[in-house]
C-alpha atoms as a PDB file:
ATOM      1  CA  UNK A   1      73.693 216.891 120.740  1.00  0.00           C
ATOM      2  CA  UNK A   2      72.074 213.534 120.123  1.00  0.00           C
ATOM      3  CA  UNK A   3      73.337 213.697 116.489  1.00  0.00           C
ATOM      4  CA  UNK A   4      76.950 214.204 117.688  1.00  0.00           C
ATOM      5  CA  UNK A   5      76.626 211.286 120.106  1.00  0.00           C
ATOM      6  CA  UNK A   6      75.278 209.002 117.364  1.00  0.00           C
ATOM      7  CA  UNK A   7      77.952 210.173 114.938  1.00  0.00           C
ATOM      8  CA  UNK A   8      80.686 209.512 117.494  1.00  0.00           C
ATOM      9  CA  UNK A   9      79.360 206.010 118.204  1.00  0.00           C
ATOM     10  CA  UNK A  10      79.191 205.325 114.461  1.00  0.00           C
ATOM     11  CA  UNK A  11      82.805 206.481 113.927  1.00  0.00           C
ATOM     12  CA  UNK A  12      84.034 204.334 116.819  1.00  0.00           C
ATOM     13  CA  UNK A  13      82.158 201.343 115.402  1.00  0.00           C
ATOM     14  CA  UNK A  14      83.716 201.917 111.963  1.00  0.00           C
ATOM     15  CA  UNK A  15      87.161 202.254 113.511  1.00  0.00           C
ATOM     16  CA  UNK A  16      86.922 198.915 115.295  1.00  0.00           C
ATOM     17  CA  UNK A  17      85.450 197.232 112.214  1.00  0.00           C
ATOM     18  CA  UNK A  18      88.424 198.183 110.091  1.00  0.00           C
ATOM     19  CA  UNK A  19      90.866 196.510 112.439  1.00  0.00           C
ATOM     20  CA  UNK A  20      89.658 193.036 111.499  1.00  0.00           C
ATOM     21  CA  UNK A  21      90.635 193.355 107.838  1.00  0.00           C
ATOM     22  CA  UNK A  22      92.936 190.482 107.023  1.00  0.00           C
ATOM     23  CA  UNK A  23      95.644 191.171 104.509  1.00  0.00           C
ATOM     24  CA  UNK A  24      96.919 188.528 102.151  1.00  0.00           C
ATOM     25  CA  UNK A  25     100.457 187.581 103.013  1.00  0.00           C
ATOM     26  CA  UNK A  26     103.046 187.178 100.302  1.00  0.00           C
ATOM     27  CA  UNK A  27     102.853 183.572  99.054  1.00  0.00           C
ATOM     28  CA  UNK A  28     106.017 181.496  99.140  1.00  0.00           C
ATOM     29  CA  UNK A  29     105.650 180.676  95.455  1.00  0.00           C
ATOM     30  CA  UNK A  30     104.584 184.154  94.316  1.00  0.00           C
ATOM     31  CA  UNK A  31     104.562 184.449  90.544  1.00  0.00           C
ATOM     32  CA  UNK A  32     107.040 187.187  89.539  1.00  0.00           C
ATOM     33  CA  UNK A  33     105.490 190.335  88.065  1.00  0.00           C
ATOM     34  CA  UNK A  34     106.948 189.776  84.583  1.00  0.00           C
ATOM     35  CA  UNK A  35     105.512 186.283  84.444  1.00  0.00           C
ATOM     36  CA  UNK A  36     102.192 187.529  85.842  1.00  0.00           C
ATOM     37  CA  UNK A  37     102.029 190.059  82.982  1.00  0.00           C
ATOM     38  CA  UNK A  38     102.603 187.245  80.480  1.00  0.00           C
ATOM     39  CA  UNK A  39      99.976 185.037  82.138  1.00  0.00           C
ATOM     40  CA  UNK A  40      97.333 187.767  82.246  1.00  0.00           C
ATOM     41  CA  UNK A  41      98.101 188.725  78.641  1.00  0.00           C
ATOM     42  CA  UNK A  42      97.640 185.108  77.579  1.00  0.00           C
ATOM     43  CA  UNK A  43      94.390 184.911  79.559  1.00  0.00           C
ATOM     44  CA  UNK A  44      93.059 187.964  77.704  1.00  0.00           C
ATOM     45  CA  UNK A  45      94.057 186.446  74.352  1.00  0.00           C
ATOM     46  CA  UNK A  46      92.491 183.066  75.150  1.00  0.00           C
ATOM     47  CA  UNK A  47      89.285 184.695  76.379  1.00  0.00           C
ATOM     48  CA  UNK A  48      89.162 186.819  73.237  1.00  0.00           C
ATOM     49  CA  UNK A  49      89.568 183.704  71.106  1.00  0.00           C
ATOM     50  CA  UNK A  50      86.832 181.992  73.106  1.00  0.00           C
ATOM     51  CA  UNK A  51      84.494 184.950  72.626  1.00  0.00           C
ATOM     52  CA  UNK A  52      85.372 185.241  68.943  1.00  0.00           C
ATOM     53  CA  UNK A  53      84.788 181.617  67.982  1.00  0.00           C
ATOM     54  CA  UNK A  54      83.757 179.455  70.921  1.00  0.00           C
ATOM     55  CA  UNK A  55      82.721 176.489  68.755  1.00  0.00           C
ATOM     56  CA  UNK A  56      86.072 176.292  66.989  1.00  0.00           C
ATOM     57  CA  UNK A  57      87.911 176.515  70.322  1.00  0.00           C
ATOM     58  CA  UNK A  58      85.763 173.706  71.730  1.00  0.00           C
ATOM     59  CA  UNK A  59      86.388 171.578  68.623  1.00  0.00           C
ATOM     60  CA  UNK A  60      90.134 171.759  69.239  1.00  0.00           C
ATOM     61  CA  UNK A  61      89.595 170.268  72.683  1.00  0.00           C
ATOM     62  CA  UNK A  62      91.671 173.044  74.244  1.00  0.00           C
ATOM     63  CA  UNK A  63      90.842 173.756  77.874  1.00  0.00           C
ATOM     64  CA  UNK A  64      91.836 177.409  78.394  1.00  0.00           C
ATOM     65  CA  UNK A  65      92.672 177.163  82.112  1.00  0.00           C
ATOM     66  CA  UNK A  66      94.658 173.962  81.688  1.00  0.00           C
ATOM     67  CA  UNK A  67      96.456 175.466  78.691  1.00  0.00           C
ATOM     68  CA  UNK A  68      97.507 178.541  80.724  1.00  0.00           C
ATOM     69  CA  UNK A  69      98.676 176.492  83.721  1.00  0.00           C
ATOM     70  CA  UNK A  70     100.710 174.109  81.569  1.00  0.00           C
ATOM     71  CA  UNK A  71     102.195 176.843  79.396  1.00  0.00           C
ATOM     72  CA  UNK A  72     103.486 178.798  82.392  1.00  0.00           C
ATOM     73  CA  UNK A  73     104.202 175.792  84.642  1.00  0.00           C
ATOM     74  CA  UNK A  74     101.899 176.973  87.412  1.00  0.00           C
ATOM     75  CA  UNK A  75      98.816 175.604  89.128  1.00  0.00           C
ATOM     76  CA  UNK A  76      95.477 177.196  89.922  1.00  0.00           C
ATOM     77  CA  UNK A  77      96.272 177.695  93.617  1.00  0.00           C
ATOM     78  CA  UNK A  78      99.567 179.440  92.871  1.00  0.00           C
ATOM     79  CA  UNK A  79      97.823 181.696  90.368  1.00  0.00           C
ATOM     80  CA  UNK A  80      94.932 182.518  92.722  1.00  0.00           C
ATOM     81  CA  UNK A  81      97.244 183.322  95.643  1.00  0.00           C
ATOM     82  CA  UNK A  82      99.536 185.452  93.488  1.00  0.00           C
ATOM     83  CA  UNK A  83      96.601 187.249  91.912  1.00  0.00           C
ATOM     84  CA  UNK A  84      95.076 187.933  95.349  1.00  0.00           C
ATOM     85  CA  UNK A  85      98.408 189.242  96.640  1.00  0.00           C
ATOM     86  CA  UNK A  86      98.947 191.589  93.685  1.00  0.00           C
ATOM     87  CA  UNK A  87      95.330 192.783  93.711  1.00  0.00           C
ATOM     88  CA  UNK A  88      95.723 193.845  97.320  1.00  0.00           C
ATOM     89  CA  UNK A  89      98.793 195.907  96.387  1.00  0.00           C
ATOM     90  CA  UNK A  90      96.991 198.416  94.189  1.00  0.00           C
ATOM     91  CA  UNK A  91     100.034 200.116  92.650  1.00  0.00           C
ATOM     92  CA  UNK A  92     101.602 196.777  91.706  1.00  0.00           C
ATOM     93  CA  UNK A  93      98.314 195.538  90.238  1.00  0.00           C
ATOM     94  CA  UNK A  94      97.762 198.698  88.201  1.00  0.00           C
ATOM     95  CA  UNK A  95     101.361 198.431  86.975  1.00  0.00           C
ATOM     96  CA  UNK A  96     100.774 194.828  85.916  1.00  0.00           C
ATOM     97  CA  UNK A  97      97.620 195.702  84.004  1.00  0.00           C
ATOM     98  CA  UNK A  98      99.277 198.715  82.379  1.00  0.00           C
ATOM     99  CA  UNK A  99     101.979 196.372  81.099  1.00  0.00           C
ATOM    100  CA  UNK A 100      99.349 193.875  79.916  1.00  0.00           C
ATOM    101  CA  UNK A 101      97.630 196.688  78.005  1.00  0.00           C
ATOM    102  CA  UNK A 102     100.960 197.809  76.514  1.00  0.00           C
ATOM    103  CA  UNK A 103     101.725 194.245  75.444  1.00  0.00           C
ATOM    104  CA  UNK A 104      98.299 193.875  73.832  1.00  0.00           C
ATOM    105  CA  UNK A 105      98.721 197.231  72.057  1.00  0.00           C
ATOM    106  CA  UNK A 106     102.111 196.103  70.741  1.00  0.00           C
ATOM    107  CA  UNK A 107     100.640 192.807  69.531  1.00  0.00           C
ATOM    108  CA  UNK A 108      97.776 194.636  67.851  1.00  0.00           C
ATOM    109  CA  UNK A 109     100.212 196.978  66.104  1.00  0.00           C
ATOM    110  CA  UNK A 110     102.341 194.011  65.002  1.00  0.00           C
ATOM    111  CA  UNK A 111      99.362 192.105  63.576  1.00  0.00           C
ATOM    112  CA  UNK A 112      98.029 195.234  61.862  1.00  0.00           C
ATOM    113  CA  UNK A 113     101.420 195.610  60.130  1.00  0.00           C
ATOM    114  CA  UNK A 114     101.330 191.955  59.088  1.00  0.00           C
ATOM    115  CA  UNK A 115      97.825 192.437  57.742  1.00  0.00           C
ATOM    116  CA  UNK A 116      98.969 195.485  55.747  1.00  0.00           C
ATOM    117  CA  UNK A 117     101.922 193.513  54.355  1.00  0.00           C
ATOM    118  CA  UNK A 118      99.646 190.624  53.407  1.00  0.00           C
ATOM    119  CA  UNK A 119      97.275 193.030  51.650  1.00  0.00           C
ATOM    120  CA  UNK A 120     100.204 194.613  49.780  1.00  0.00           C
ATOM    121  CA  UNK A 121     101.384 191.169  48.636  1.00  0.00           C
ATOM    122  CA  UNK A 122      97.858 190.193  47.525  1.00  0.00           C
ATOM    123  CA  UNK A 123      97.480 193.511  45.675  1.00  0.00           C
ATOM    124  CA  UNK A 124     100.853 192.985  44.003  1.00  0.00           C
ATOM    125  CA  UNK A 125      99.894 189.464  42.930  1.00  0.00           C
ATOM    126  CA  UNK A 126      96.549 190.718  41.645  1.00  0.00           C
ATOM    127  CA  UNK A 127      98.313 193.498  39.728  1.00  0.00           C
ATOM    128  CA  UNK A 128     100.771 191.031  38.193  1.00  0.00           C
ATOM    129  CA  UNK A 129      97.897 188.731  37.181  1.00  0.00           C
ATOM    130  CA  UNK A 130      96.095 191.670  35.598  1.00  0.00           C
ATOM    131  CA  UNK A 131      99.306 192.699  33.801  1.00  0.00           C
ATOM    132  CA  UNK A 132      99.755 189.145  32.532  1.00  0.00           C
ATOM    133  CA  UNK A 133      96.127 188.962  31.394  1.00  0.00           C
ATOM    134  CA  UNK A 134      96.453 192.355  29.693  1.00  0.00           C
ATOM    135  CA  UNK A 135      99.599 191.170  27.877  1.00  0.00           C
ATOM    136  CA  UNK A 136      97.822 187.983  26.811  1.00  0.00           C
ATOM    137  CA  UNK A 137      94.884 190.015  25.496  1.00  0.00           C
ATOM    138  CA  UNK A 138      97.248 192.362  23.659  1.00  0.00           C
ATOM    139  CA  UNK A 139      99.085 189.362  22.179  1.00  0.00           C
ATOM    140  CA  UNK A 140      95.769 187.847  21.074  1.00  0.00           C
ATOM    141  CA  UNK A 141      94.679 191.126  19.485  1.00  0.00           C
ATOM    142  CA  UNK A 142      98.048 191.448  17.732  1.00  0.00           C
ATOM    143  CA  UNK A 143      97.750 187.857  16.505  1.00  0.00           C
ATOM    144  CA  UNK A 144      94.247 188.556  15.142  1.00  0.00           C
ATOM    145  CA  UNK A 145      95.524 191.688  13.397  1.00  0.00           C
ATOM    146  CA  UNK A 146      98.416 189.716  11.907  1.00  0.00           C
ATOM    147  CA  UNK A 147      96.038 186.995  10.719  1.00  0.00           C
ATOM    148  CA  UNK A 148      93.799 189.679   9.166  1.00  0.00           C
ATOM    149  CA  UNK A 149      96.792 191.318   7.445  1.00  0.00           C
ATOM    150  CA  UNK A 150      97.910 187.942   6.116  1.00  0.00           C
ATOM    151  CA  UNK A 151      94.398 187.178   4.952  1.00  0.00           C
ATOM    152  CA  UNK A 152      94.046 190.564   3.216  1.00  0.00           C
ATOM    153  CA  UNK A 153      97.415 190.102   1.532  1.00  0.00           C
ATOM    154  CA  UNK A 154      96.452 186.618   0.413  1.00  0.00           C
ATOM    155  CA  UNK A 155      93.136 187.879  -0.953  1.00  0.00           C
ATOM    156  CA  UNK A 156      94.967 190.647  -2.889  1.00  0.00           C
ATOM    157  CA  UNK A 157      97.398 188.123  -4.306  1.00  0.00           C
ATOM    158  CA  UNK A 158      94.571 185.816  -5.310  1.00  0.00           C
ATOM    159  CA  UNK A 159      92.716 188.741  -6.832  1.00  0.00           C
ATOM    160  CA  UNK A 160      95.802 189.763  -8.851  1.00  0.00           C
ATOM    161  CA  UNK A 161      96.253 186.206 -10.114  1.00  0.00           C
ATOM    162  CA  UNK A 162      92.656 186.113 -11.233  1.00  0.00           C
ATOM    163  CA  UNK A 163      93.104 189.365 -13.149  1.00  0.00           C
ATOM    164  CA  UNK A 164      96.205 188.062 -14.815  1.00  0.00           C
ATOM    165  CA  UNK A 165      94.464 184.890 -15.837  1.00  0.00           C
ATOM    166  CA  UNK A 166      91.586 186.833 -17.371  1.00  0.00           C
END
């Protein structure tokens, strides 16, 4: 009986505690979902670049946050309020991040295709260089053979002249 009483008190306490949860109201300058997808995608790309080569990024003098805010014509407060609003609306937030993931997958696919094309071009150039070198070697060999034939013919002619003179 004491357990039921304690459980009931605990449930009532939890019930009253949940009533004080403050929800984020929709900001007046809420960033539209499409733009939020673009911003979050850019944030992922910038953070990846920072993690990949932090020194090079620092040498450029690029400030990632400032870059994002200027590129999308927003400020940090607008971004924070919009992000808080969307994060509280779970389905919207999951939808945004699904679209970010899709965008990143599309970019990855695009750059992989470009990399394959670049490799194909480099292979083609290498093949053409090898073909050209092979032709040059063949021409050199043919020239040496021709010189040898000419030399042999000249030696035969000289040898015949010597026989005639004797």
